[in-house]
C-alpha atoms as a PDB file:
ATOM      1  CA  MET A   1      30.679   2.405  69.540  1.00  0.00           C
ATOM      2  CA  SER A   2      33.824   1.014  70.377  1.00  0.00           C
ATOM      3  CA  LEU A   3      34.529  -3.447  71.522  1.00  0.00           C
ATOM      4  CA  SER A   4      35.175  -2.236  74.616  1.00  0.00           C
ATOM      5  CA  THR A   5      32.531   0.364  74.753  1.00  0.00           C
ATOM      6  CA  SER A   6      30.517  -3.166  73.642  1.00  0.00           C
ATOM      7  CA  ARG A   7      31.296  -5.006  76.511  1.00  0.00           C
ATOM      8  CA  GLN A   8      31.224  -2.807  79.272  1.00  0.00           C
ATOM      9  CA  MET A   9      27.439  -2.470  78.073  1.00  0.00           C
ATOM     10  CA  ALA A  10      26.943  -5.719  78.325  1.00  0.00           C
ATOM     11  CA  LEU A  11      28.501  -5.903  82.084  1.00  0.00           C
ATOM     12  CA  ASP A  12      26.049  -3.671  83.323  1.00  0.00           C
ATOM     13  CA  ILE A  13      22.669  -5.423  81.725  1.00  0.00           C
ATOM     14  CA  ALA A  14      24.033  -8.554  82.677  1.00  0.00           C
ATOM     15  CA  ASP A  15      24.751  -7.131  85.969  1.00  0.00           C
ATOM     16  CA  ARG A  16      20.782  -5.950  85.886  1.00  0.00           C
ATOM     17  CA  LEU A  17      20.122 -10.061  84.749  1.00  0.00           C
ATOM     18  CA  THR A  18      18.410 -10.980  87.745  1.00  0.00           C
ATOM     19  CA  SER A  19      16.220 -14.098  86.701  1.00  0.00           C
ATOM     20  CA  VAL A  20      18.969 -16.039  84.674  1.00  0.00           C
ATOM     21  CA  GLU A  21      21.803 -15.602  86.366  1.00  0.00           C
ATOM     22  CA  PRO A  22      24.865 -16.359  86.431  1.00  0.00           C
ATOM     23  CA  ALA A  23      25.635 -14.233  82.932  1.00  0.00           C
ATOM     24  CA  THR A  24      28.366 -13.553  81.675  1.00  0.00           C
ATOM     25  CA  VAL A  25      29.929 -11.532  79.128  1.00  0.00           C
ATOM     26  CA  THR A  26      32.112 -12.742  76.131  1.00  0.00           C
ATOM     27  CA  ARG A  27      32.438 -11.960  72.882  1.00  0.00           C
ATOM     28  CA  TYR A  28      31.032 -11.402  70.185  1.00  0.00           C
ATOM     29  CA  PHE A  29      32.572  -9.628  65.821  1.00  0.00           C
ATOM     30  CA  ALA A  30      32.395  -6.250  66.989  1.00  0.00           C
ATOM     31  CA  GLY A  31      30.022  -6.500  70.090  1.00  0.00           C
ATOM     32  CA  ALA A  32      29.862  -8.473  73.477  1.00  0.00           C
ATOM     33  CA  ALA A  33      27.903 -12.091  73.677  1.00  0.00           C
ATOM     34  CA  ILE A  34      25.951 -12.136  76.765  1.00  0.00           C
ATOM     35  CA  ARG A  35      25.168 -15.941  78.097  1.00  0.00           C
ATOM     36  CA  VAL A  36      23.523 -18.047  80.916  1.00  0.00           C
ATOM     37  CA  GLY A  37      24.391 -21.245  81.060  1.00  0.00           C
ATOM     38  CA  GLY A  38      26.172 -22.032  77.532  1.00  0.00           C
ATOM     39  CA  ALA A  39      22.846 -20.158  75.709  1.00  0.00           C
ATOM     40  CA  GLN A  40      24.289 -16.890  73.847  1.00  0.00           C
ATOM     41  CA  ILE A  41      21.296 -14.934  74.941  1.00  0.00           C
ATOM     42  CA  GLY A  42      21.348 -11.822  73.107  1.00  0.00           C
ATOM     43  CA  PHE A  43      24.280  -9.150  71.875  1.00  0.00           C
ATOM     44  CA  VAL A  44      25.125  -5.701  72.620  1.00  0.00           C
ATOM     45  CA  MET A  45      26.106  -4.326  68.949  1.00  0.00           C
ATOM     46  CA  LYS A  46      26.784  -0.684  68.243  1.00  0.00           C
ATOM     47  CA  ASN A  47      24.732   0.728  71.473  1.00  0.00           C
ATOM     48  CA  SER A  48      22.493  -2.007  70.798  1.00  0.00           C
ATOM     49  CA  LEU A  49      20.383  -4.505  72.629  1.00  0.00           C
ATOM     50  CA  TYR A  50      19.216  -7.594  70.557  1.00  0.00           C
ATOM     51  CA  PHE A  51      18.171 -10.481  72.596  1.00  0.00           C
ATOM     52  CA  ARG A  52      16.924 -13.473  71.007  1.00  0.00           C
ATOM     53  CA  VAL A  53      13.385 -14.578  70.193  1.00  0.00           C
ATOM     54  CA  ASP A  54      11.286 -17.954  68.947  1.00  0.00           C
ATOM     55  CA  ASP A  55       8.271 -17.611  67.518  1.00  0.00           C
ATOM     56  CA  GLU A  56       6.717 -17.242  71.606  1.00  0.00           C
ATOM     57  CA  SER A  57       8.634 -13.749  72.060  1.00  0.00           C
ATOM     58  CA  ARG A  58       8.648 -12.221  68.161  1.00  0.00           C
ATOM     59  CA  PRO A  59       5.151 -10.769  68.689  1.00  0.00           C
ATOM     60  CA  GLN A  60       5.766  -9.116  72.067  1.00  0.00           C
ATOM     61  CA  PHE A  61       9.072  -7.407  69.562  1.00  0.00           C
ATOM     62  CA  GLU A  62       7.046  -6.701  67.189  1.00  0.00           C
ATOM     63  CA  ALA A  63       4.721  -4.849  68.820  1.00  0.00           C
ATOM     64  CA  LEU A  64       6.727  -1.927  70.424  1.00  0.00           C
ATOM     65  CA  GLU A  65       7.773  -2.316  66.423  1.00  0.00           C
ATOM     66  CA  SER A  66      11.538  -3.620  67.005  1.00  0.00           C
ATOM     67  CA  ARG A  67      13.709  -4.637  64.111  1.00  0.00           C
ATOM     68  CA  PRO A  68      15.890  -7.868  64.149  1.00  0.00           C
ATOM     69  CA  PHE A  69      19.710  -7.460  64.134  1.00  0.00           C
ATOM     70  CA  SER A  70      20.314  -6.342  60.179  1.00  0.00           C
ATOM     71  CA  TYR A  71      24.367  -5.782  59.245  1.00  0.00           C
ATOM     72  CA  LYS A  72      25.545  -5.330  55.675  1.00  0.00           C
ATOM     73  CA  THR A  73      27.726  -6.757  53.011  1.00  0.00           C
ATOM     74  CA  SER A  74      29.733  -5.594  50.315  1.00  0.00           C
ATOM     75  CA  ALA A  75      26.850  -8.241  47.754  1.00  0.00           C
ATOM     76  CA  ARG A  76      24.196  -7.681  50.220  1.00  0.00           C
ATOM     77  CA  ASN A  77      22.083  -6.706  53.251  1.00  0.00           C
ATOM     78  CA  VAL A  78      21.693  -9.790  55.988  1.00  0.00           C
ATOM     79  CA  LEU A  79      18.601  -9.983  58.634  1.00  0.00           C
ATOM     80  CA  VAL A  80      19.881 -12.103  61.514  1.00  0.00           C
ATOM     81  CA  ALA A  81      16.000 -12.845  62.461  1.00  0.00           C
ATOM     82  CA  SER A  82      16.216 -14.954  65.725  1.00  0.00           C
ATOM     83  CA  TYR A  83      17.900 -11.377  67.479  1.00  0.00           C
ATOM     84  CA  TYR A  84      15.254  -8.401  68.144  1.00  0.00           C
ATOM     85  CA  GLU A  85      17.138  -5.117  69.526  1.00  0.00           C
ATOM     86  CA  VAL A  86      15.245  -4.300  73.003  1.00  0.00           C
ATOM     87  CA  PRO A  87      13.747  -1.545  72.620  1.00  0.00           C
ATOM     88  CA  ALA A  88      14.818   1.343  75.440  1.00  0.00           C
ATOM     89  CA  ASP A  89      11.932   1.352  77.129  1.00  0.00           C
ATOM     90  CA  VAL A  90      12.450  -2.331  78.417  1.00  0.00           C
ATOM     91  CA  LEU A  91      16.158  -1.571  78.242  1.00  0.00           C
ATOM     92  CA  ASP A  92      15.305   1.419  81.538  1.00  0.00           C
ATOM     93  CA  ASP A  93      12.944  -0.918  83.233  1.00  0.00           C
ATOM     94  CA  ASP A  94      14.758  -3.686  85.086  1.00  0.00           C
ATOM     95  CA  ASP A  95      11.082  -6.082  85.702  1.00  0.00           C
ATOM     96  CA  ARG A  96      10.754  -6.105  81.629  1.00  0.00           C
ATOM     97  CA  LEU A  97      14.596  -6.555  81.357  1.00  0.00           C
ATOM     98  CA  ASN A  98      14.557  -9.545  83.406  1.00  0.00           C
ATOM     99  CA  ASP A  99      11.095 -11.046  81.670  1.00  0.00           C
ATOM    100  CA  TRP A 100      12.196 -10.307  78.528  1.00  0.00           C
ATOM    101  CA  ALA A 101      16.132 -12.013  79.311  1.00  0.00           C
ATOM    102  CA  THR A 102      14.038 -15.094  80.865  1.00  0.00           C
ATOM    103  CA  ALA A 103      12.352 -15.565  77.302  1.00  0.00           C
ATOM    104  CA  ALA A 104      15.105 -14.913  75.268  1.00  0.00           C
ATOM    105  CA  TYR A 105      16.970 -17.567  77.329  1.00  0.00           C
ATOM    106  CA  ARG A 106      13.867 -20.308  77.400  1.00  0.00           C
ATOM    107  CA  ALA A 107      14.391 -19.254  72.926  1.00  0.00           C
ATOM    108  CA  ALA A 108      18.133 -20.218  73.331  1.00  0.00           C
ATOM    109  CA  ARG A 109      17.656 -22.661  74.999  1.00  0.00           C
ATOM    110  CA  SER A 110      14.478 -23.977  72.670  1.00  0.00           C
ATOM    111  CA  SER A 111      16.481 -22.879  69.257  1.00  0.00           C
ATOM    112  CA  PRO A 112      18.125 -26.468  67.307  1.00  0.00           C
ATOM    113  CA  ASP A 113      20.919 -24.632  66.957  1.00  0.00           C
ATOM    114  CA  SER A 114      21.594 -24.716  71.368  1.00  0.00           C
ATOM    115  CA  LYS A 115      24.414 -26.532  72.595  1.00  0.00           C
ATOM    116  CA  GLN A 116      22.834 -27.453  75.938  1.00  0.00           C
ATOM    117  CA  LYS A 117      19.975 -29.017  73.726  1.00  0.00           C
ATOM    118  CA  LYS A 118      22.218 -30.732  72.052  1.00  0.00           C
ATOM    119  CA  ALA A 119      24.166 -32.242  74.719  1.00  0.00           C
ATOM    120  CA  ALA A 120      21.053 -32.970  76.397  1.00  0.00           C
ATOM    121  CA  GLU A 121      20.382 -34.888  73.436  1.00  0.00           C
ATOM    122  CA  ALA A 122      23.957 -36.743  73.395  1.00  0.00           C
ATOM    123  CA  ALA A 123      23.165 -37.509  77.444  1.00  0.00           C
ATOM    124  CA  SER A 124      19.955 -39.402  76.200  1.00  0.00           C
END
């Protein structure tokens, strides 16, 4: 899947996200990131959508046998446990997709590395 195809898939998904508007799409390595309010909630890479997870949402993904994002380097296989692949049946259902996007937004905002969280703490 090319970068432009990943971007188009991400734009299509962002348009469907009504629960966390406005969703924007930016370049993300060899794919496209989906961001809401400055927080990255997911990305499209190699024809798959991955959403940010936390301890609360991860069991939903695991119950549907979804796997975390991973990639290979010359030295090892890297597992990125903070992003899981969104199952096809969720991707095909706008209501479920929006529910999962809301959970991904919560996970992104509550993560220790969240720019929004850091900005809010600095302002207090």
